[in-house]
Amino acid sequence: MSSKNDIDTHKTPTILMLTCCVFMLAWGVFTTVCVKPIWIGVCITIIAEVLILQLSLYLIYSGSTRREKVKDFIDELVVK
């Protein structure tokens, strides 16, 4: 039986996904500057921006829905 505020954090997958997206964005900028034709780097940068936006929206939505599921097990101290 779990006690109140007995919650494990699982940040590693989220941090890895965001890090990969940021590296992809940096790679796109580097490719735009150094590689001809320029449109290759621009496409990589656009794809990275779209992935970052989609991931951010997913994390925002899933966080609020998951919080509703565990609200009986947490108090205001944990939320803050």
PDB file of N, CA and C in Angstrom:
ATOM      1  N   MET A   1       0.851  -1.178   0.000  1.00  0.00           N
ATOM      2  CA  MET A   1       0.000   0.000   0.000  1.00  0.00           C
ATOM      3  C   MET A   1       0.896   1.239   0.000  1.00  0.00           C
ATOM      4  N   SER A   2       0.632   2.155  -0.880  1.00  0.00           N
ATOM      5  CA  SER A   2       1.453   3.359  -0.954  1.00  0.00           C
ATOM      6  C   SER A   2       0.922   4.421  -0.002  1.00  0.00           C
ATOM      7  N   SER A   3       1.829   5.222   0.454  1.00  0.00           N
ATOM      8  CA  SER A   3       1.440   6.309   1.341  1.00  0.00           C
ATOM      9  C   SER A   3       1.308   7.598   0.530  1.00  0.00           C
ATOM     10  N   LYS A   4       0.774   8.595   1.150  1.00  0.00           N
ATOM     11  CA  LYS A   4       0.603   9.878   0.477  1.00  0.00           C
ATOM     12  C   LYS A   4       1.965  10.505   0.177  1.00  0.00           C
ATOM     13  N   ASN A   5       2.101  11.112  -0.985  1.00  0.00           N
ATOM     14  CA  ASN A   5       3.319  11.763  -1.463  1.00  0.00           C
ATOM     15  C   ASN A   5       4.443  10.773  -1.757  1.00  0.00           C
ATOM     16  N   ASP A   6       4.105   9.512  -1.970  1.00  0.00           N
ATOM     17  CA  ASP A   6       5.091   8.497  -2.329  1.00  0.00           C
ATOM     18  C   ASP A   6       5.113   8.380  -3.860  1.00  0.00           C
ATOM     19  N   ILE A   7       5.734   9.377  -4.512  1.00  0.00           N
ATOM     20  CA  ILE A   7       5.705   9.475  -5.971  1.00  0.00           C
ATOM     21  C   ILE A   7       7.134   9.462  -6.499  1.00  0.00           C
ATOM     22  N   ASP A   8       7.364   8.637  -7.509  1.00  0.00           N
ATOM     23  CA  ASP A   8       8.667   8.598  -8.173  1.00  0.00           C
ATOM     24  C   ASP A   8       8.644   9.535  -9.370  1.00  0.00           C
ATOM     25  N   THR A   9       9.738  10.223  -9.600  1.00  0.00           N
ATOM     26  CA  THR A   9       9.835  11.073 -10.784  1.00  0.00           C
ATOM     27  C   THR A   9      10.466  10.282 -11.917  1.00  0.00           C
ATOM     28  N   HIS A  10       9.963  10.510 -13.096  1.00  0.00           N
ATOM     29  CA  HIS A  10      10.467   9.838 -14.297  1.00  0.00           C
ATOM     30  C   HIS A  10      10.764  10.911 -15.338  1.00  0.00           C
ATOM     31  N   LYS A  11      11.831  11.642 -15.123  1.00  0.00           N
ATOM     32  CA  LYS A  11      12.182  12.750 -16.010  1.00  0.00           C
ATOM     33  C   LYS A  11      13.132  12.348 -17.123  1.00  0.00           C
ATOM     34  N   THR A  12      13.833  11.244 -16.984  1.00  0.00           N
ATOM     35  CA  THR A  12      14.895  10.888 -17.928  1.00  0.00           C
ATOM     36  C   THR A  12      14.415  10.780 -19.371  1.00  0.00           C
ATOM     37  N   PRO A  13      13.314  10.082 -19.690  1.00  0.00           N
ATOM     38  CA  PRO A  13      12.884  10.017 -21.091  1.00  0.00           C
ATOM     39  C   PRO A  13      12.547  11.388 -21.668  1.00  0.00           C
ATOM     40  N   THR A  14      11.909  12.232 -20.872  1.00  0.00           N
ATOM     41  CA  THR A  14      11.555  13.569 -21.343  1.00  0.00           C
ATOM     42  C   THR A  14      12.799  14.401 -21.616  1.00  0.00           C
ATOM     43  N   ILE A  15      13.747  14.350 -20.714  1.00  0.00           N
ATOM     44  CA  ILE A  15      14.981  15.106 -20.898  1.00  0.00           C
ATOM     45  C   ILE A  15      15.741  14.601 -22.118  1.00  0.00           C
ATOM     46  N   LEU A  16      15.778  13.289 -22.320  1.00  0.00           N
ATOM     47  CA  LEU A  16      16.453  12.740 -23.498  1.00  0.00           C
ATOM     48  C   LEU A  16      15.781  13.167 -24.795  1.00  0.00           C
ATOM     49  N   MET A  17      14.449  13.143 -24.838  1.00  0.00           N
ATOM     50  CA  MET A  17      13.741  13.558 -26.050  1.00  0.00           C
ATOM     51  C   MET A  17      13.983  15.030 -26.358  1.00  0.00           C
ATOM     52  N   LEU A  18      13.902  15.872 -25.340  1.00  0.00           N
ATOM     53  CA  LEU A  18      14.138  17.299 -25.560  1.00  0.00           C
ATOM     54  C   LEU A  18      15.586  17.566 -25.960  1.00  0.00           C
ATOM     55  N   THR A  19      16.527  16.852 -25.367  1.00  0.00           N
ATOM     56  CA  THR A  19      17.940  17.007 -25.733  1.00  0.00           C
ATOM     57  C   THR A  19      18.171  16.606 -27.181  1.00  0.00           C
ATOM     58  N   CYS A  20      17.559  15.510 -27.598  1.00  0.00           N
ATOM     59  CA  CYS A  20      17.698  15.083 -29.002  1.00  0.00           C
ATOM     60  C   CYS A  20      17.120  16.127 -29.960  1.00  0.00           C
ATOM     61  N   CYS A  21      15.977  16.701 -29.598  1.00  0.00           N
ATOM     62  CA  CYS A  21      15.379  17.734 -30.448  1.00  0.00           C
ATOM     63  C   CYS A  21      16.268  18.976 -30.524  1.00  0.00           C
ATOM     64  N   VAL A  22      16.861  19.367 -29.405  1.00  0.00           N
ATOM     65  CA  VAL A  22      17.748  20.536 -29.404  1.00  0.00           C
ATOM     66  C   VAL A  22      19.008  20.264 -30.221  1.00  0.00           C
ATOM     67  N   PHE A  23      19.573  19.058 -30.101  1.00  0.00           N
ATOM     68  CA  PHE A  23      20.738  18.714 -30.913  1.00  0.00           C
ATOM     69  C   PHE A  23      20.382  18.690 -32.399  1.00  0.00           C
ATOM     70  N   MET A  24      19.190  18.196 -32.713  1.00  0.00           N
ATOM     71  CA  MET A  24      18.739  18.198 -34.108  1.00  0.00           C
ATOM     72  C   MET A  24      18.582  19.629 -34.626  1.00  0.00           C
ATOM     73  N   LEU A  25      18.087  20.514 -33.786  1.00  0.00           N
ATOM     74  CA  LEU A  25      17.960  21.922 -34.155  1.00  0.00           C
ATOM     75  C   LEU A  25      19.338  22.539 -34.392  1.00  0.00           C
ATOM     76  N   ALA A  26      20.286  22.258 -33.507  1.00  0.00           N
ATOM     77  CA  ALA A  26      21.648  22.776 -33.673  1.00  0.00           C
ATOM     78  C   ALA A  26      22.301  22.196 -34.926  1.00  0.00           C
ATOM     79  N   TRP A  27      22.062  20.914 -35.185  1.00  0.00           N
ATOM     80  CA  TRP A  27      22.608  20.292 -36.398  1.00  0.00           C
ATOM     81  C   TRP A  27      22.020  20.946 -37.651  1.00  0.00           C
ATOM     82  N   GLY A  28      20.744  21.276 -37.619  1.00  0.00           N
ATOM     83  CA  GLY A  28      20.123  21.957 -38.747  1.00  0.00           C
ATOM     84  C   GLY A  28      20.726  23.326 -38.999  1.00  0.00           C
ATOM     85  N   VAL A  29      20.982  24.072 -37.935  1.00  0.00           N
ATOM     86  CA  VAL A  29      21.612  25.389 -38.081  1.00  0.00           C
ATOM     87  C   VAL A  29      23.033  25.231 -38.626  1.00  0.00           C
ATOM     88  N   PHE A  30      23.776  24.275 -38.090  1.00  0.00           N
ATOM     89  CA  PHE A  30      25.133  24.026 -38.572  1.00  0.00           C
ATOM     90  C   PHE A  30      25.126  23.622 -40.053  1.00  0.00           C
ATOM     91  N   THR A  31      24.194  22.755 -40.426  1.00  0.00           N
ATOM     92  CA  THR A  31      24.094  22.313 -41.818  1.00  0.00           C
ATOM     93  C   THR A  31      23.714  23.469 -42.733  1.00  0.00           C
ATOM     94  N   THR A  32      22.835  24.351 -42.260  1.00  0.00           N
ATOM     95  CA  THR A  32      22.451  25.509 -43.063  1.00  0.00           C
ATOM     96  C   THR A  32      23.657  26.394 -43.350  1.00  0.00           C
ATOM     97  N   VAL A  33      24.536  26.552 -42.370  1.00  0.00           N
ATOM     98  CA  VAL A  33      25.691  27.427 -42.526  1.00  0.00           C
ATOM     99  C   VAL A  33      26.783  26.780 -43.385  1.00  0.00           C
ATOM    100  N   CYS A  34      26.999  25.485 -43.216  1.00  0.00           N
ATOM    101  CA  CYS A  34      28.187  24.845 -43.793  1.00  0.00           C
ATOM    102  C   CYS A  34      27.953  24.000 -45.039  1.00  0.00           C
ATOM    103  N   VAL A  35      26.726  23.594 -45.323  1.00  0.00           N
ATOM    104  CA  VAL A  35      26.478  22.643 -46.406  1.00  0.00           C
ATOM    105  C   VAL A  35      25.689  23.314 -47.520  1.00  0.00           C
ATOM    106  N   LYS A  36      26.080  23.022 -48.736  1.00  0.00           N
ATOM    107  CA  LYS A  36      25.328  23.471 -49.907  1.00  0.00           C
ATOM    108  C   LYS A  36      24.599  22.269 -50.460  1.00  0.00           C
ATOM    109  N   PRO A  37      23.398  22.295 -50.841  1.00  0.00           N
ATOM    110  CA  PRO A  37      22.431  23.392 -50.848  1.00  0.00           C
ATOM    111  C   PRO A  37      21.897  23.706 -49.443  1.00  0.00           C
ATOM    112  N   ILE A  38      21.563  24.950 -49.246  1.00  0.00           N
ATOM    113  CA  ILE A  38      21.160  25.452 -47.939  1.00  0.00           C
ATOM    114  C   ILE A  38      19.839  24.853 -47.482  1.00  0.00           C
ATOM    115  N   TRP A  39      18.970  24.476 -48.416  1.00  0.00           N
ATOM    116  CA  TRP A  39      17.630  24.019 -48.053  1.00  0.00           C
ATOM    117  C   TRP A  39      17.660  22.737 -47.210  1.00  0.00           C
ATOM    118  N   ILE A  40      18.727  21.971 -47.277  1.00  0.00           N
ATOM    119  CA  ILE A  40      18.822  20.748 -46.470  1.00  0.00           C
ATOM    120  C   ILE A  40      18.827  21.112 -44.978  1.00  0.00           C
ATOM    121  N   GLY A  41      19.666  22.055 -44.598  1.00  0.00           N
ATOM    122  CA  GLY A  41      19.720  22.498 -43.206  1.00  0.00           C
ATOM    123  C   GLY A  41      18.438  23.178 -42.762  1.00  0.00           C
ATOM    124  N   VAL A  42      17.826  23.931 -43.668  1.00  0.00           N
ATOM    125  CA  VAL A  42      16.565  24.597 -43.341  1.00  0.00           C
ATOM    126  C   VAL A  42      15.485  23.554 -43.058  1.00  0.00           C
ATOM    127  N   CYS A  43      15.428  22.501 -43.861  1.00  0.00           N
ATOM    128  CA  CYS A  43      14.441  21.435 -43.637  1.00  0.00           C
ATOM    129  C   CYS A  43      14.674  20.738 -42.305  1.00  0.00           C
ATOM    130  N   ILE A  44      15.925  20.456 -41.974  1.00  0.00           N
ATOM    131  CA  ILE A  44      16.234  19.814 -40.689  1.00  0.00           C
ATOM    132  C   ILE A  44      15.801  20.717 -39.534  1.00  0.00           C
ATOM    133  N   THR A  45      16.058  22.007 -39.663  1.00  0.00           N
ATOM    134  CA  THR A  45      15.682  22.963 -38.619  1.00  0.00           C
ATOM    135  C   THR A  45      14.164  23.034 -38.457  1.00  0.00           C
ATOM    136  N   ILE A  46      13.437  23.063 -39.555  1.00  0.00           N
ATOM    137  CA  ILE A  46      11.972  23.118 -39.492  1.00  0.00           C
ATOM    138  C   ILE A  46      11.419  21.857 -38.836  1.00  0.00           C
ATOM    139  N   ILE A  47      11.945  20.701 -39.216  1.00  0.00           N
ATOM    140  CA  ILE A  47      11.490  19.442 -38.616  1.00  0.00           C
ATOM    141  C   ILE A  47      11.768  19.434 -37.116  1.00  0.00           C
ATOM    142  N   ALA A  48      12.934  19.917 -36.704  1.00  0.00           N
ATOM    143  CA  ALA A  48      13.264  19.966 -35.276  1.00  0.00           C
ATOM    144  C   ALA A  48      12.320  20.901 -34.523  1.00  0.00           C
ATOM    145  N   GLU A  49      11.995  22.035 -35.112  1.00  0.00           N
ATOM    146  CA  GLU A  49      11.082  22.973 -34.464  1.00  0.00           C
ATOM    147  C   GLU A  49       9.696  22.363 -34.305  1.00  0.00           C
ATOM    148  N   VAL A  50       9.221  21.667 -35.329  1.00  0.00           N
ATOM    149  CA  VAL A  50       7.907  21.024 -35.251  1.00  0.00           C
ATOM    150  C   VAL A  50       7.908  19.934 -34.178  1.00  0.00           C
ATOM    151  N   LEU A  51       8.978  19.140 -34.107  1.00  0.00           N
ATOM    152  CA  LEU A  51       9.068  18.094 -33.088  1.00  0.00           C
ATOM    153  C   LEU A  51       9.086  18.676 -31.677  1.00  0.00           C
ATOM    154  N   ILE A  52       9.824  19.759 -31.479  1.00  0.00           N
ATOM    155  CA  ILE A  52       9.873  20.407 -30.166  1.00  0.00           C
ATOM    156  C   ILE A  52       8.499  20.935 -29.787  1.00  0.00           C
ATOM    157  N   LEU A  53       7.795  21.545 -30.728  1.00  0.00           N
ATOM    158  CA  LEU A  53       6.459  22.074 -30.458  1.00  0.00           C
ATOM    159  C   LEU A  53       5.487  20.950 -30.119  1.00  0.00           C
ATOM    160  N   GLN A  54       5.486  19.872 -30.910  1.00  0.00           N
ATOM    161  CA  GLN A  54       4.581  18.757 -30.643  1.00  0.00           C
ATOM    162  C   GLN A  54       4.893  18.090 -29.307  1.00  0.00           C
ATOM    163  N   LEU A  55       6.155  17.897 -29.013  1.00  0.00           N
ATOM    164  CA  LEU A  55       6.545  17.283 -27.748  1.00  0.00           C
ATOM    165  C   LEU A  55       6.131  18.164 -26.571  1.00  0.00           C
ATOM    166  N   SER A  56       6.321  19.455 -26.695  1.00  0.00           N
ATOM    167  CA  SER A  56       5.932  20.370 -25.611  1.00  0.00           C
ATOM    168  C   SER A  56       4.428  20.340 -25.373  1.00  0.00           C
ATOM    169  N   LEU A  57       3.649  20.375 -26.437  1.00  0.00           N
ATOM    170  CA  LEU A  57       2.195  20.329 -26.286  1.00  0.00           C
ATOM    171  C   LEU A  57       1.738  19.002 -25.676  1.00  0.00           C
ATOM    172  N   TYR A  58       2.350  17.912 -26.091  1.00  0.00           N
ATOM    173  CA  TYR A  58       2.004  16.608 -25.526  1.00  0.00           C
ATOM    174  C   TYR A  58       2.325  16.553 -24.029  1.00  0.00           C
ATOM    175  N   LEU A  59       3.488  17.049 -23.656  1.00  0.00           N
ATOM    176  CA  LEU A  59       3.882  17.009 -22.247  1.00  0.00           C
ATOM    177  C   LEU A  59       2.992  17.893 -21.380  1.00  0.00           C
ATOM    178  N   ILE A  60       2.595  19.037 -21.905  1.00  0.00           N
ATOM    179  CA  ILE A  60       1.701  19.930 -21.157  1.00  0.00           C
ATOM    180  C   ILE A  60       0.353  19.254 -20.946  1.00  0.00           C
ATOM    181  N   TYR A  61      -0.204  18.654 -22.000  1.00  0.00           N
ATOM    182  CA  TYR A  61      -1.511  18.006 -21.892  1.00  0.00           C
ATOM    183  C   TYR A  61      -1.449  16.763 -21.013  1.00  0.00           C
ATOM    184  N   SER A  62      -0.454  15.924 -21.220  1.00  0.00           N
ATOM    185  CA  SER A  62      -0.398  14.672 -20.464  1.00  0.00           C
ATOM    186  C   SER A  62      -0.108  14.922 -18.983  1.00  0.00           C
ATOM    187  N   GLY A  63       0.614  15.973 -18.678  1.00  0.00           N
ATOM    188  CA  GLY A  63       0.890  16.295 -17.279  1.00  0.00           C
ATOM    189  C   GLY A  63      -0.361  16.644 -16.504  1.00  0.00           C
ATOM    190  N   SER A  64      -1.246  17.413 -17.121  1.00  0.00           N
ATOM    191  CA  SER A  64      -2.474  17.789 -16.419  1.00  0.00           C
ATOM    192  C   SER A  64      -3.430  16.615 -16.280  1.00  0.00           C
ATOM    193  N   THR A  65      -3.487  15.731 -17.278  1.00  0.00           N
ATOM    194  CA  THR A  65      -4.378  14.575 -17.161  1.00  0.00           C
ATOM    195  C   THR A  65      -3.836  13.561 -16.159  1.00  0.00           C
ATOM    196  N   ARG A  66      -2.533  13.400 -16.112  1.00  0.00           N
ATOM    197  CA  ARG A  66      -1.948  12.474 -15.135  1.00  0.00           C
ATOM    198  C   ARG A  66      -2.086  13.004 -13.715  1.00  0.00           C
ATOM    199  N   ARG A  67      -2.027  14.305 -13.565  1.00  0.00           N
ATOM    200  CA  ARG A  67      -2.181  14.895 -12.230  1.00  0.00           C
ATOM    201  C   ARG A  67      -3.574  14.614 -11.683  1.00  0.00           C
ATOM    202  N   GLU A  68      -4.563  14.618 -12.550  1.00  0.00           N
ATOM    203  CA  GLU A  68      -5.928  14.317 -12.108  1.00  0.00           C
ATOM    204  C   GLU A  68      -6.043  12.879 -11.603  1.00  0.00           C
ATOM    205  N   LYS A  69      -5.302  11.962 -12.213  1.00  0.00           N
ATOM    206  CA  LYS A  69      -5.368  10.558 -11.807  1.00  0.00           C
ATOM    207  C   LYS A  69      -4.726  10.316 -10.443  1.00  0.00           C
ATOM    208  N   VAL A  70      -3.728  11.118 -10.079  1.00  0.00           N
ATOM    209  CA  VAL A  70      -2.999  10.887  -8.827  1.00  0.00           C
ATOM    210  C   VAL A  70      -3.312  11.924  -7.754  1.00  0.00           C
ATOM    211  N   LYS A  71      -4.347  12.720  -7.954  1.00  0.00           N
ATOM    212  CA  LYS A  71      -4.607  13.795  -6.988  1.00  0.00           C
ATOM    213  C   LYS A  71      -4.975  13.273  -5.598  1.00  0.00           C
ATOM    214  N   ASP A  72      -5.434  12.029  -5.507  1.00  0.00           N
ATOM    215  CA  ASP A  72      -5.729  11.474  -4.189  1.00  0.00           C
ATOM    216  C   ASP A  72      -4.466  11.105  -3.420  1.00  0.00           C
ATOM    217  N   PHE A  73      -3.351  10.986  -4.122  1.00  0.00           N
ATOM    218  CA  PHE A  73      -2.107  10.546  -3.505  1.00  0.00           C
ATOM    219  C   PHE A  73      -1.107  11.675  -3.244  1.00  0.00           C
ATOM    220  N   ILE A  74      -1.465  12.892  -3.605  1.00  0.00           N
ATOM    221  CA  ILE A  74      -0.545  14.014  -3.404  1.00  0.00           C
ATOM    222  C   ILE A  74      -1.263  15.145  -2.662  1.00  0.00           C
ATOM    223  N   ASP A  75      -0.456  16.027  -2.077  1.00  0.00           N
ATOM    224  CA  ASP A  75      -1.037  17.217  -1.456  1.00  0.00           C
ATOM    225  C   ASP A  75      -0.412  18.459  -2.090  1.00  0.00           C
ATOM    226  N   GLU A  76      -0.773  19.610  -1.616  1.00  0.00           N
ATOM    227  CA  GLU A  76      -0.345  20.875  -2.219  1.00  0.00           C
ATOM    228  C   GLU A  76       1.172  21.069  -2.165  1.00  0.00           C
ATOM    229  N   LEU A  77       1.827  20.517  -1.167  1.00  0.00           N
ATOM    230  CA  LEU A  77       3.274  20.654  -1.047  1.00  0.00           C
ATOM    231  C   LEU A  77       3.987  20.022  -2.233  1.00  0.00           C
ATOM    232  N   VAL A  78       3.527  18.863  -2.681  1.00  0.00           N
ATOM    233  CA  VAL A  78       4.154  18.178  -3.810  1.00  0.00           C
ATOM    234  C   VAL A  78       3.879  18.929  -5.113  1.00  0.00           C
ATOM    235  N   VAL A  79       2.680  19.455  -5.251  1.00  0.00           N
ATOM    236  CA  VAL A  79       2.314  20.169  -6.475  1.00  0.00           C
ATOM    237  C   VAL A  79       3.148  21.416  -6.646  1.00  0.00           C
ATOM    238  N   LYS A  80       3.426  22.120  -5.554  1.00  0.00           N
ATOM    239  CA  LYS A  80       4.231  23.335  -5.640  1.00  0.00           C
ATOM    240  C   LYS A  80       5.658  22.967  -5.923  1.00  0.00           C
TER     241      LYS A  80
END
